[in-house]
Amino acid sequence: MTRIFPEFFPRFFCKADQCRHTCCQKWEIDIDDETMQKYKNAPGPLGKELQEWVTKGEEGLPCFRFNEKGYCHFLTEKGLCRLILEKGPQYLCQICRDHPRFYKYSYDSDKEEEIILAGTGLACERTVEQLLEEPSELLFQSTDRTGPLDFLSLLSRLHLPLEKESCFFTPCFEKDYIQSLLKRLEQTNPIDREWTESLSLMEAHAEKLSEKASALSQKLSPWFLTNLERYILFRQLDECEAYDPETAARYAREAVIFILLSYAETGDLIRSTTRWSEQIEYDTENVYILLDSFDE
């Protein structure tokens, strides 16, 4: 088994209470069987709270129940987890321990081995900060070799045919293109009403936002937008078994263009990126809706 990951992956750390946006909200957080048994047998006041604040999700699996504000009951006002504070990180369920790390699985038929593509999700602002901190081309490490891999070498390692120009971000803010991009995003399942309202606002002011987004893209680090596109594509490389790699590359490119449009609207590049990731990457059905729309 070979694991491939961006070079910044081992240096990732959670910002905890220094993060402007908590992960402990909105998403259904499933609790694995081993942890659920631990929670069922937990003694004292904390055990009683755990039993009160665990429910069953849409698929019948145990999960945390949110409070009236939509947050996990065990999140403190300072943005810290009470379970960690009182019991340590080992007391968390598997999803809470792993997040925002992701692991995607592919297979190298030539070497007859499984490949794990690992990273941290862009819904986490620390991940976006790490991309912004990259001074040049984002490199990847592979456990089956010494030395870093650039993105083209990574694609070759995975036997994925992709034109070289598709691996470099090329902005496009033509009117018809932006309209079709926003229409595609309208087909996705909205994470909340704010997402739907934001799309409507973008459509109403598409021309002005496109001009501003184009200007903003020129002021960013020369490598950042290409690294962002490649990182979004990296997370979907396992889907290239079912979809053409050029389709996956188009998905990634349009994601970056949308993030720039959102940045033009909000003035907040990090939040624009994390917001896109929450809506799309963390709802796999939305990823497939977009990939299918490109194939069509």
C-alpha atoms as a PDB file:
ATOM      1  CA  MET A   1       0.000   0.000   0.000  1.00  0.00           C
ATOM      2  CA  THR A   2       1.320   3.442  -0.965  1.00  0.00           C
ATOM      3  CA  ARG A   3       0.245   6.707   0.595  1.00  0.00           C
ATOM      4  CA  ILE A   4       0.543  10.002  -1.315  1.00  0.00           C
ATOM      5  CA  PHE A   5       0.026  13.350   0.411  1.00  0.00           C
ATOM      6  CA  PRO A   6       0.940  17.045   0.020  1.00  0.00           C
ATOM      7  CA  GLU A   7       4.172  18.041   1.739  1.00  0.00           C
ATOM      8  CA  PHE A   8       2.324  20.276   4.205  1.00  0.00           C
ATOM      9  CA  PHE A   9       0.097  17.398   5.390  1.00  0.00           C
ATOM     10  CA  PRO A  10       2.355  16.229   8.272  1.00  0.00           C
ATOM     11  CA  ARG A  11       2.632  19.831   9.523  1.00  0.00           C
ATOM     12  CA  PHE A  12      -1.126  20.343   9.792  1.00  0.00           C
ATOM     13  CA  PHE A  13      -2.547  21.318  13.160  1.00  0.00           C
ATOM     14  CA  CYS A  14      -6.015  22.374  14.271  1.00  0.00           C
ATOM     15  CA  LYS A  15      -6.241  26.066  15.206  1.00  0.00           C
ATOM     16  CA  ALA A  16      -8.946  25.244  17.748  1.00  0.00           C
ATOM     17  CA  ASP A  17     -10.168  28.452  19.397  1.00  0.00           C
ATOM     18  CA  GLN A  18      -8.015  30.564  17.034  1.00  0.00           C
ATOM     19  CA  CYS A  19     -10.181  29.499  14.081  1.00  0.00           C
ATOM     20  CA  ARG A  20     -12.907  31.927  13.016  1.00  0.00           C
ATOM     21  CA  HIS A  21     -15.179  29.080  11.968  1.00  0.00           C
ATOM     22  CA  THR A  22     -15.914  25.906  13.894  1.00  0.00           C
ATOM     23  CA  CYS A  23     -16.273  22.476  12.299  1.00  0.00           C
ATOM     24  CA  CYS A  24     -18.702  21.421  15.049  1.00  0.00           C
ATOM     25  CA  GLN A  25     -21.898  22.549  13.346  1.00  0.00           C
ATOM     26  CA  LYS A  26     -24.363  21.755  10.545  1.00  0.00           C
ATOM     27  CA  TRP A  27     -22.885  18.388   9.541  1.00  0.00           C
ATOM     28  CA  GLU A  28     -24.237  15.132  10.892  1.00  0.00           C
ATOM     29  CA  ILE A  29     -21.392  13.677  12.964  1.00  0.00           C
ATOM     30  CA  ASP A  30     -21.783   9.893  13.040  1.00  0.00           C
ATOM     31  CA  ILE A  31     -20.396   8.020  16.039  1.00  0.00           C
ATOM     32  CA  ASP A  32     -18.572   4.743  15.375  1.00  0.00           C
ATOM     33  CA  ASP A  33     -19.594   1.589  17.253  1.00  0.00           C
ATOM     34  CA  GLU A  34     -16.510   1.413  19.477  1.00  0.00           C
ATOM     35  CA  THR A  35     -16.886   5.003  20.653  1.00  0.00           C
ATOM     36  CA  MET A  36     -20.653   4.609  21.072  1.00  0.00           C
ATOM     37  CA  GLN A  37     -20.071   1.749  23.496  1.00  0.00           C
ATOM     38  CA  LYS A  38     -17.687   3.982  25.433  1.00  0.00           C
ATOM     39  CA  TYR A  39     -20.274   6.771  25.582  1.00  0.00           C
ATOM     40  CA  LYS A  40     -23.048   4.385  26.682  1.00  0.00           C
ATOM     41  CA  ASN A  41     -20.952   3.254  29.640  1.00  0.00           C
ATOM     42  CA  ALA A  42     -19.558   6.678  30.532  1.00  0.00           C
ATOM     43  CA  PRO A  43     -20.150   7.436  34.232  1.00  0.00           C
ATOM     44  CA  GLY A  44     -21.015  10.679  35.990  1.00  0.00           C
ATOM     45  CA  PRO A  45     -22.521  13.943  34.705  1.00  0.00           C
ATOM     46  CA  LEU A  46     -20.578  13.825  31.423  1.00  0.00           C
ATOM     47  CA  GLY A  47     -21.887  10.321  30.724  1.00  0.00           C
ATOM     48  CA  LYS A  48     -25.428  11.493  31.365  1.00  0.00           C
ATOM     49  CA  GLU A  49     -24.956  14.412  28.962  1.00  0.00           C
ATOM     50  CA  LEU A  50     -23.555  12.109  26.284  1.00  0.00           C
ATOM     51  CA  GLN A  51     -26.585   9.867  26.524  1.00  0.00           C
ATOM     52  CA  GLU A  52     -28.902  12.901  26.339  1.00  0.00           C
ATOM     53  CA  TRP A  53     -27.164  14.495  23.359  1.00  0.00           C
ATOM     54  CA  VAL A  54     -26.739  11.468  21.123  1.00  0.00           C
ATOM     55  CA  THR A  55     -29.538  10.670  18.689  1.00  0.00           C
ATOM     56  CA  LYS A  56     -30.031   8.714  15.456  1.00  0.00           C
ATOM     57  CA  GLY A  57     -29.295  10.313  12.110  1.00  0.00           C
ATOM     58  CA  GLU A  58     -31.052  10.017   8.761  1.00  0.00           C
ATOM     59  CA  GLU A  59     -29.460   6.621   8.100  1.00  0.00           C
ATOM     60  CA  GLY A  60     -30.233   5.304  11.575  1.00  0.00           C
ATOM     61  CA  LEU A  61     -26.674   5.661  12.858  1.00  0.00           C
ATOM     62  CA  PRO A  62     -25.911   7.284  16.223  1.00  0.00           C
ATOM     63  CA  CYS A  63     -24.787  10.889  15.930  1.00  0.00           C
ATOM     64  CA  PHE A  64     -24.476  14.043  18.018  1.00  0.00           C
ATOM     65  CA  ARG A  65     -27.564  16.189  18.405  1.00  0.00           C
ATOM     66  CA  PHE A  66     -27.091  19.918  17.826  1.00  0.00           C
ATOM     67  CA  ASN A  67     -28.313  22.635  20.160  1.00  0.00           C
ATOM     68  CA  GLU A  68     -30.779  25.375  19.192  1.00  0.00           C
ATOM     69  CA  LYS A  69     -27.970  27.358  17.538  1.00  0.00           C
ATOM     70  CA  GLY A  70     -26.984  24.455  15.316  1.00  0.00           C
ATOM     71  CA  TYR A  71     -23.755  23.672  17.181  1.00  0.00           C
ATOM     72  CA  CYS A  72     -22.548  20.513  18.904  1.00  0.00           C
ATOM     73  CA  HIS A  73     -23.627  20.588  22.547  1.00  0.00           C
ATOM     74  CA  PHE A  74     -20.046  19.889  23.673  1.00  0.00           C
ATOM     75  CA  LEU A  75     -18.561  22.942  21.939  1.00  0.00           C
ATOM     76  CA  THR A  76     -17.642  25.630  24.487  1.00  0.00           C
ATOM     77  CA  GLU A  77     -18.139  29.367  24.013  1.00  0.00           C
ATOM     78  CA  LYS A  78     -14.378  29.642  23.408  1.00  0.00           C
ATOM     79  CA  GLY A  79     -14.621  27.248  20.458  1.00  0.00           C
ATOM     80  CA  LEU A  80     -13.064  24.268  22.243  1.00  0.00           C
ATOM     81  CA  CYS A  81     -14.403  20.728  22.656  1.00  0.00           C
ATOM     82  CA  ARG A  82     -15.391  19.762  26.195  1.00  0.00           C
ATOM     83  CA  LEU A  83     -14.748  16.081  25.467  1.00  0.00           C
ATOM     84  CA  ILE A  84     -11.115  16.899  24.695  1.00  0.00           C
ATOM     85  CA  LEU A  85     -10.793  19.273  27.648  1.00  0.00           C
ATOM     86  CA  GLU A  86     -12.220  16.773  30.133  1.00  0.00           C
ATOM     87  CA  LYS A  87     -11.175  13.410  28.684  1.00  0.00           C
ATOM     88  CA  GLY A  88      -8.520  14.022  26.022  1.00  0.00           C
ATOM     89  CA  PRO A  89      -8.556  13.612  22.212  1.00  0.00           C
ATOM     90  CA  GLN A  90      -8.711   9.810  22.495  1.00  0.00           C
ATOM     91  CA  TYR A  91     -12.285  10.234  23.773  1.00  0.00           C
ATOM     92  CA  LEU A  92     -13.498  11.590  20.426  1.00  0.00           C
ATOM     93  CA  CYS A  93     -15.335   9.492  17.859  1.00  0.00           C
ATOM     94  CA  GLN A  94     -13.426   8.501  14.727  1.00  0.00           C
ATOM     95  CA  ILE A  95     -14.843  11.283  12.539  1.00  0.00           C
ATOM     96  CA  CYS A  96     -13.951  13.987  15.066  1.00  0.00           C
ATOM     97  CA  ARG A  97     -10.431  12.551  15.460  1.00  0.00           C
ATOM     98  CA  ASP A  98      -9.824  12.456  11.694  1.00  0.00           C
ATOM     99  CA  HIS A  99     -11.503  15.662  10.524  1.00  0.00           C
ATOM    100  CA  PRO A 100     -10.520  17.554   8.409  1.00  0.00           C
ATOM    101  CA  ARG A 101      -8.243  14.811   7.118  1.00  0.00           C
ATOM    102  CA  PHE A 102      -9.502  12.846   4.125  1.00  0.00           C
ATOM    103  CA  TYR A 103      -8.389   9.544   2.625  1.00  0.00           C
ATOM    104  CA  LYS A 104      -9.299   8.579  -0.929  1.00  0.00           C
ATOM    105  CA  TYR A 105      -8.513   5.162  -2.384  1.00  0.00           C
ATOM    106  CA  SER A 106      -7.200   4.253  -5.806  1.00  0.00           C
ATOM    107  CA  TYR A 107      -5.506   1.193  -7.295  1.00  0.00           C
ATOM    108  CA  ASP A 108      -2.358   0.749  -9.367  1.00  0.00           C
ATOM    109  CA  SER A 109      -3.061  -2.258 -11.564  1.00  0.00           C
ATOM    110  CA  ASP A 110       0.525  -2.300 -12.871  1.00  0.00           C
ATOM    111  CA  LYS A 111       2.000  -2.714  -9.393  1.00  0.00           C
ATOM    112  CA  GLU A 112      -1.102  -4.424  -8.022  1.00  0.00           C
ATOM    113  CA  GLU A 113      -1.228  -2.217  -4.966  1.00  0.00           C
ATOM    114  CA  GLU A 114      -3.702   0.072  -3.262  1.00  0.00           C
ATOM    115  CA  ILE A 115      -2.945   3.787  -3.205  1.00  0.00           C
ATOM    116  CA  ILE A 116      -4.233   6.150  -0.538  1.00  0.00           C
ATOM    117  CA  LEU A 117      -4.515   9.846  -1.425  1.00  0.00           C
ATOM    118  CA  ALA A 118      -4.415  11.740   1.876  1.00  0.00           C
ATOM    119  CA  GLY A 119      -4.845  15.390   2.770  1.00  0.00           C
ATOM    120  CA  THR A 120      -6.873  17.875   4.766  1.00  0.00           C
ATOM    121  CA  GLY A 121     -10.118  19.388   3.512  1.00  0.00           C
ATOM    122  CA  LEU A 122     -10.426  22.950   2.256  1.00  0.00           C
ATOM    123  CA  ALA A 123     -13.386  23.464   4.600  1.00  0.00           C
ATOM    124  CA  CYS A 124     -10.659  24.000   7.208  1.00  0.00           C
ATOM    125  CA  GLU A 125      -9.184  27.499   7.104  1.00  0.00           C
ATOM    126  CA  ARG A 126      -5.792  26.209   8.279  1.00  0.00           C
ATOM    127  CA  THR A 127      -5.571  24.109   5.099  1.00  0.00           C
ATOM    128  CA  VAL A 128      -6.214  27.214   2.985  1.00  0.00           C
ATOM    129  CA  GLU A 129      -3.575  29.098   4.970  1.00  0.00           C
ATOM    130  CA  GLN A 130      -1.062  26.338   4.283  1.00  0.00           C
ATOM    131  CA  LEU A 131      -1.734  26.636   0.556  1.00  0.00           C
ATOM    132  CA  LEU A 132      -1.323  30.402   0.761  1.00  0.00           C
ATOM    133  CA  GLU A 133       1.987  29.902   2.559  1.00  0.00           C
ATOM    134  CA  GLU A 134       3.424  27.764  -0.252  1.00  0.00           C
ATOM    135  CA  PRO A 135       6.126  29.920  -1.916  1.00  0.00           C
ATOM    136  CA  SER A 136       6.116  27.954  -5.170  1.00  0.00           C
ATOM    137  CA  GLU A 137       4.699  24.774  -6.717  1.00  0.00           C
ATOM    138  CA  LEU A 138       2.891  22.457  -4.314  1.00  0.00           C
ATOM    139  CA  LEU A 139       4.787  19.180  -3.996  1.00  0.00           C
ATOM    140  CA  PHE A 140       3.648  15.758  -2.830  1.00  0.00           C
ATOM    141  CA  GLN A 141       5.330  12.941  -0.934  1.00  0.00           C
ATOM    142  CA  SER A 142       4.896   9.249  -1.659  1.00  0.00           C
ATOM    143  CA  THR A 143       5.758   6.485   0.784  1.00  0.00           C
ATOM    144  CA  ASP A 144       7.074   4.263  -2.019  1.00  0.00           C
ATOM    145  CA  ARG A 145       9.941   6.554  -3.013  1.00  0.00           C
ATOM    146  CA  THR A 146      12.350   9.211  -1.769  1.00  0.00           C
ATOM    147  CA  GLY A 147      12.082  12.811  -2.858  1.00  0.00           C
ATOM    148  CA  PRO A 148       9.033  14.939  -3.668  1.00  0.00           C
ATOM    149  CA  LEU A 149       6.634  14.598  -6.598  1.00  0.00           C
ATOM    150  CA  ASP A 150       5.422  17.574  -8.588  1.00  0.00           C
ATOM    151  CA  PHE A 151       1.844  17.389  -9.807  1.00  0.00           C
ATOM    152  CA  LEU A 152       2.682  16.164 -13.312  1.00  0.00           C
ATOM    153  CA  SER A 153       4.853  13.398 -11.846  1.00  0.00           C
ATOM    154  CA  LEU A 154       2.006  12.494  -9.503  1.00  0.00           C
ATOM    155  CA  LEU A 155      -0.382  12.111 -12.447  1.00  0.00           C
ATOM    156  CA  SER A 156       2.174   9.955 -14.229  1.00  0.00           C
ATOM    157  CA  ARG A 157       2.566   7.833 -11.091  1.00  0.00           C
ATOM    158  CA  LEU A 158      -1.208   7.233 -11.132  1.00  0.00           C
ATOM    159  CA  HIS A 159      -1.265   6.597 -14.907  1.00  0.00           C
ATOM    160  CA  LEU A 160      -3.677   9.472 -15.485  1.00  0.00           C
ATOM    161  CA  PRO A 161      -3.520  11.129 -18.908  1.00  0.00           C
ATOM    162  CA  LEU A 162      -4.049  14.875 -18.568  1.00  0.00           C
ATOM    163  CA  GLU A 163      -2.894  17.638 -20.871  1.00  0.00           C
ATOM    164  CA  LYS A 164      -0.162  19.784 -19.321  1.00  0.00           C
ATOM    165  CA  GLU A 165      -2.132  23.010 -19.831  1.00  0.00           C
ATOM    166  CA  SER A 166      -4.996  21.505 -17.818  1.00  0.00           C
ATOM    167  CA  CYS A 167      -2.688  21.440 -14.789  1.00  0.00           C
ATOM    168  CA  PHE A 168      -2.226  25.215 -14.715  1.00  0.00           C
ATOM    169  CA  PHE A 169      -5.001  27.561 -13.687  1.00  0.00           C
ATOM    170  CA  THR A 170      -6.353  29.679 -16.539  1.00  0.00           C
ATOM    171  CA  PRO A 171      -8.974  32.226 -15.470  1.00  0.00           C
ATOM    172  CA  CYS A 172     -12.039  32.822 -17.610  1.00  0.00           C
ATOM    173  CA  PHE A 173     -14.651  35.416 -16.723  1.00  0.00           C
ATOM    174  CA  GLU A 174     -16.591  35.642 -19.981  1.00  0.00           C
ATOM    175  CA  LYS A 175     -20.269  36.405 -19.406  1.00  0.00           C
ATOM    176  CA  ASP A 176     -21.752  33.201 -20.863  1.00  0.00           C
ATOM    177  CA  TYR A 177     -19.197  31.028 -19.095  1.00  0.00           C
ATOM    178  CA  ILE A 178     -19.876  32.584 -15.690  1.00  0.00           C
ATOM    179  CA  GLN A 179     -23.633  32.258 -16.171  1.00  0.00           C
ATOM    180  CA  SER A 180     -23.328  28.550 -17.020  1.00  0.00           C
ATOM    181  CA  LEU A 181     -21.001  28.029 -14.040  1.00  0.00           C
ATOM    182  CA  LEU A 182     -23.487  29.576 -11.616  1.00  0.00           C
ATOM    183  CA  LYS A 183     -26.373  27.624 -13.159  1.00  0.00           C
ATOM    184  CA  ARG A 184     -24.488  24.389 -12.563  1.00  0.00           C
ATOM    185  CA  LEU A 185     -23.945  25.298  -8.923  1.00  0.00           C
ATOM    186  CA  GLU A 186     -27.666  25.993  -8.586  1.00  0.00           C
ATOM    187  CA  GLN A 187     -28.259  22.284  -9.272  1.00  0.00           C
ATOM    188  CA  THR A 188     -26.366  21.264  -6.131  1.00  0.00           C
ATOM    189  CA  ASN A 189     -28.010  20.605  -2.765  1.00  0.00           C
ATOM    190  CA  PRO A 190     -27.672  23.821  -0.735  1.00  0.00           C
ATOM    191  CA  ILE A 191     -25.993  23.543   2.646  1.00  0.00           C
ATOM    192  CA  ASP A 192     -28.177  26.394   3.948  1.00  0.00           C
ATOM    193  CA  ARG A 193     -30.302  29.346   2.838  1.00  0.00           C
ATOM    194  CA  GLU A 194     -27.276  31.635   2.877  1.00  0.00           C
ATOM    195  CA  TRP A 195     -25.697  29.596   0.049  1.00  0.00           C
ATOM    196  CA  THR A 196     -28.802  29.961  -2.136  1.00  0.00           C
ATOM    197  CA  GLU A 197     -29.061  33.685  -1.429  1.00  0.00           C
ATOM    198  CA  SER A 198     -25.377  34.177  -2.239  1.00  0.00           C
ATOM    199  CA  LEU A 199     -25.768  32.445  -5.618  1.00  0.00           C
ATOM    200  CA  SER A 200     -28.733  34.660  -6.484  1.00  0.00           C
ATOM    201  CA  LEU A 201     -26.712  37.739  -5.570  1.00  0.00           C
ATOM    202  CA  MET A 202     -23.818  36.583  -7.722  1.00  0.00           C
ATOM    203  CA  GLU A 203     -26.084  36.033 -10.715  1.00  0.00           C
ATOM    204  CA  ALA A 204     -27.572  39.502 -10.299  1.00  0.00           C
ATOM    205  CA  HIS A 205     -24.119  41.133 -10.193  1.00  0.00           C
ATOM    206  CA  ALA A 206     -22.151  38.627 -12.275  1.00  0.00           C
ATOM    207  CA  GLU A 207     -20.545  41.143 -14.627  1.00  0.00           C
ATOM    208  CA  LYS A 208     -19.312  43.446 -11.876  1.00  0.00           C
ATOM    209  CA  LEU A 209     -18.065  40.547  -9.738  1.00  0.00           C
ATOM    210  CA  SER A 210     -16.283  39.008 -12.732  1.00  0.00           C
ATOM    211  CA  GLU A 211     -14.356  42.204 -13.363  1.00  0.00           C
ATOM    212  CA  LYS A 212     -13.391  42.467  -9.706  1.00  0.00           C
ATOM    213  CA  ALA A 213     -12.475  38.768  -9.473  1.00  0.00           C
ATOM    214  CA  SER A 214     -10.241  39.057 -12.534  1.00  0.00           C
ATOM    215  CA  ALA A 215      -8.398  41.998 -10.966  1.00  0.00           C
ATOM    216  CA  LEU A 216      -8.050  40.179  -7.628  1.00  0.00           C
ATOM    217  CA  SER A 217      -6.607  37.093  -9.316  1.00  0.00           C
ATOM    218  CA  GLN A 218      -3.728  39.221 -10.610  1.00  0.00           C
ATOM    219  CA  LYS A 219      -2.794  40.306  -7.083  1.00  0.00           C
ATOM    220  CA  LEU A 220      -2.550  36.838  -5.574  1.00  0.00           C
ATOM    221  CA  SER A 221       0.625  34.783  -5.301  1.00  0.00           C
ATOM    222  CA  PRO A 222       1.562  33.487  -8.787  1.00  0.00           C
ATOM    223  CA  TRP A 223       1.400  29.867  -7.634  1.00  0.00           C
ATOM    224  CA  PHE A 224      -1.576  30.001  -5.277  1.00  0.00           C
ATOM    225  CA  LEU A 225      -4.421  29.631  -7.801  1.00  0.00           C
ATOM    226  CA  THR A 226      -2.690  26.804  -9.669  1.00  0.00           C
ATOM    227  CA  ASN A 227      -1.898  25.057  -6.382  1.00  0.00           C
ATOM    228  CA  LEU A 228      -5.514  25.497  -5.276  1.00  0.00           C
ATOM    229  CA  GLU A 229      -6.814  24.027  -8.543  1.00  0.00           C
ATOM    230  CA  ARG A 230      -4.407  21.103  -8.313  1.00  0.00           C
ATOM    231  CA  TYR A 231      -5.301  20.448  -4.687  1.00  0.00           C
ATOM    232  CA  ILE A 232      -9.024  20.384  -5.488  1.00  0.00           C
ATOM    233  CA  LEU A 233      -8.283  18.016  -8.367  1.00  0.00           C
ATOM    234  CA  PHE A 234      -6.026  15.882  -6.127  1.00  0.00           C
ATOM    235  CA  ARG A 235      -8.977  15.158  -3.842  1.00  0.00           C
ATOM    236  CA  GLN A 236     -10.968  13.814  -6.815  1.00  0.00           C
ATOM    237  CA  LEU A 237      -8.248  11.817  -8.580  1.00  0.00           C
ATOM    238  CA  ASP A 238      -9.854   8.567  -7.446  1.00  0.00           C
ATOM    239  CA  GLU A 239     -12.946   9.575  -9.445  1.00  0.00           C
ATOM    240  CA  CYS A 240     -10.873   9.446 -12.641  1.00  0.00           C
ATOM    241  CA  GLU A 241     -11.602   5.723 -12.723  1.00  0.00           C
ATOM    242  CA  ALA A 242     -15.205   6.640 -13.578  1.00  0.00           C
ATOM    243  CA  TYR A 243     -14.770  10.104 -15.113  1.00  0.00           C
ATOM    244  CA  ASP A 244     -12.400  11.445 -17.734  1.00  0.00           C
ATOM    245  CA  PRO A 245      -9.437  13.250 -16.095  1.00  0.00           C
ATOM    246  CA  GLU A 246     -10.224  16.327 -18.189  1.00  0.00           C
ATOM    247  CA  THR A 247     -13.711  16.354 -16.632  1.00  0.00           C
ATOM    248  CA  ALA A 248     -12.184  16.296 -13.148  1.00  0.00           C
ATOM    249  CA  ALA A 249      -9.771  19.077 -14.151  1.00  0.00           C
ATOM    250  CA  ARG A 250     -12.668  21.211 -15.384  1.00  0.00           C
ATOM    251  CA  TYR A 251     -14.457  20.641 -12.083  1.00  0.00           C
ATOM    252  CA  ALA A 252     -11.369  21.906 -10.228  1.00  0.00           C
ATOM    253  CA  ARG A 253     -10.855  24.903 -12.509  1.00  0.00           C
ATOM    254  CA  GLU A 254     -14.467  26.061 -12.169  1.00  0.00           C
ATOM    255  CA  ALA A 255     -14.200  25.667  -8.408  1.00  0.00           C
ATOM    256  CA  VAL A 256     -11.306  28.148  -8.323  1.00  0.00           C
ATOM    257  CA  ILE A 257     -13.166  30.589 -10.567  1.00  0.00           C
ATOM    258  CA  PHE A 258     -16.198  30.411  -8.302  1.00  0.00           C
ATOM    259  CA  ILE A 259     -14.007  30.953  -5.227  1.00  0.00           C
ATOM    260  CA  LEU A 260     -12.626  34.086  -6.904  1.00  0.00           C
ATOM    261  CA  LEU A 261     -16.158  35.323  -7.603  1.00  0.00           C
ATOM    262  CA  SER A 262     -17.046  34.733  -3.966  1.00  0.00           C
ATOM    263  CA  TYR A 263     -13.851  36.500  -2.896  1.00  0.00           C
ATOM    264  CA  ALA A 264     -14.891  39.485  -5.028  1.00  0.00           C
ATOM    265  CA  GLU A 265     -18.259  39.493  -3.266  1.00  0.00           C
ATOM    266  CA  THR A 266     -17.070  38.999   0.332  1.00  0.00           C
ATOM    267  CA  GLY A 267     -13.502  40.288   0.394  1.00  0.00           C
ATOM    268  CA  ASP A 268     -12.529  37.164   2.352  1.00  0.00           C
ATOM    269  CA  LEU A 269     -10.466  34.665   0.349  1.00  0.00           C
ATOM    270  CA  ILE A 270     -10.119  32.067   3.102  1.00  0.00           C
ATOM    271  CA  ARG A 271     -13.805  32.020   3.977  1.00  0.00           C
ATOM    272  CA  SER A 272     -14.752  31.937   0.275  1.00  0.00           C
ATOM    273  CA  THR A 273     -12.643  28.796  -0.115  1.00  0.00           C
ATOM    274  CA  THR A 274     -13.869  27.042   3.019  1.00  0.00           C
ATOM    275  CA  ARG A 275     -17.465  27.905   2.157  1.00  0.00           C
ATOM    276  CA  TRP A 276     -17.156  26.355  -1.319  1.00  0.00           C
ATOM    277  CA  SER A 277     -15.616  23.218   0.199  1.00  0.00           C
ATOM    278  CA  GLU A 278     -18.406  22.868   2.784  1.00  0.00           C
ATOM    279  CA  GLN A 279     -21.032  23.091   0.075  1.00  0.00           C
ATOM    280  CA  ILE A 280     -19.389  20.874  -2.551  1.00  0.00           C
ATOM    281  CA  GLU A 281     -16.542  18.670  -1.295  1.00  0.00           C
ATOM    282  CA  TYR A 282     -18.272  17.645   1.908  1.00  0.00           C
ATOM    283  CA  ASP A 283     -21.410  16.560   0.091  1.00  0.00           C
ATOM    284  CA  THR A 284     -20.251  13.873  -2.326  1.00  0.00           C
ATOM    285  CA  GLU A 285     -23.610  13.976  -4.095  1.00  0.00           C
ATOM    286  CA  ASN A 286     -22.832  17.574  -5.065  1.00  0.00           C
ATOM    287  CA  VAL A 287     -19.441  16.523  -6.446  1.00  0.00           C
ATOM    288  CA  TYR A 288     -21.167  13.934  -8.648  1.00  0.00           C
ATOM    289  CA  ILE A 289     -23.836  16.425  -9.744  1.00  0.00           C
ATOM    290  CA  LEU A 290     -21.093  18.706 -11.083  1.00  0.00           C
ATOM    291  CA  LEU A 291     -18.967  15.940 -12.620  1.00  0.00           C
ATOM    292  CA  ASP A 292     -22.042  14.516 -14.365  1.00  0.00           C
ATOM    293  CA  SER A 293     -23.010  17.960 -15.679  1.00  0.00           C
ATOM    294  CA  PHE A 294     -19.585  18.316 -17.322  1.00  0.00           C
ATOM    295  CA  ASP A 295     -19.822  14.875 -18.868  1.00  0.00           C
ATOM    296  CA  GLU A 296     -23.196  15.793 -20.347  1.00  0.00           C
END
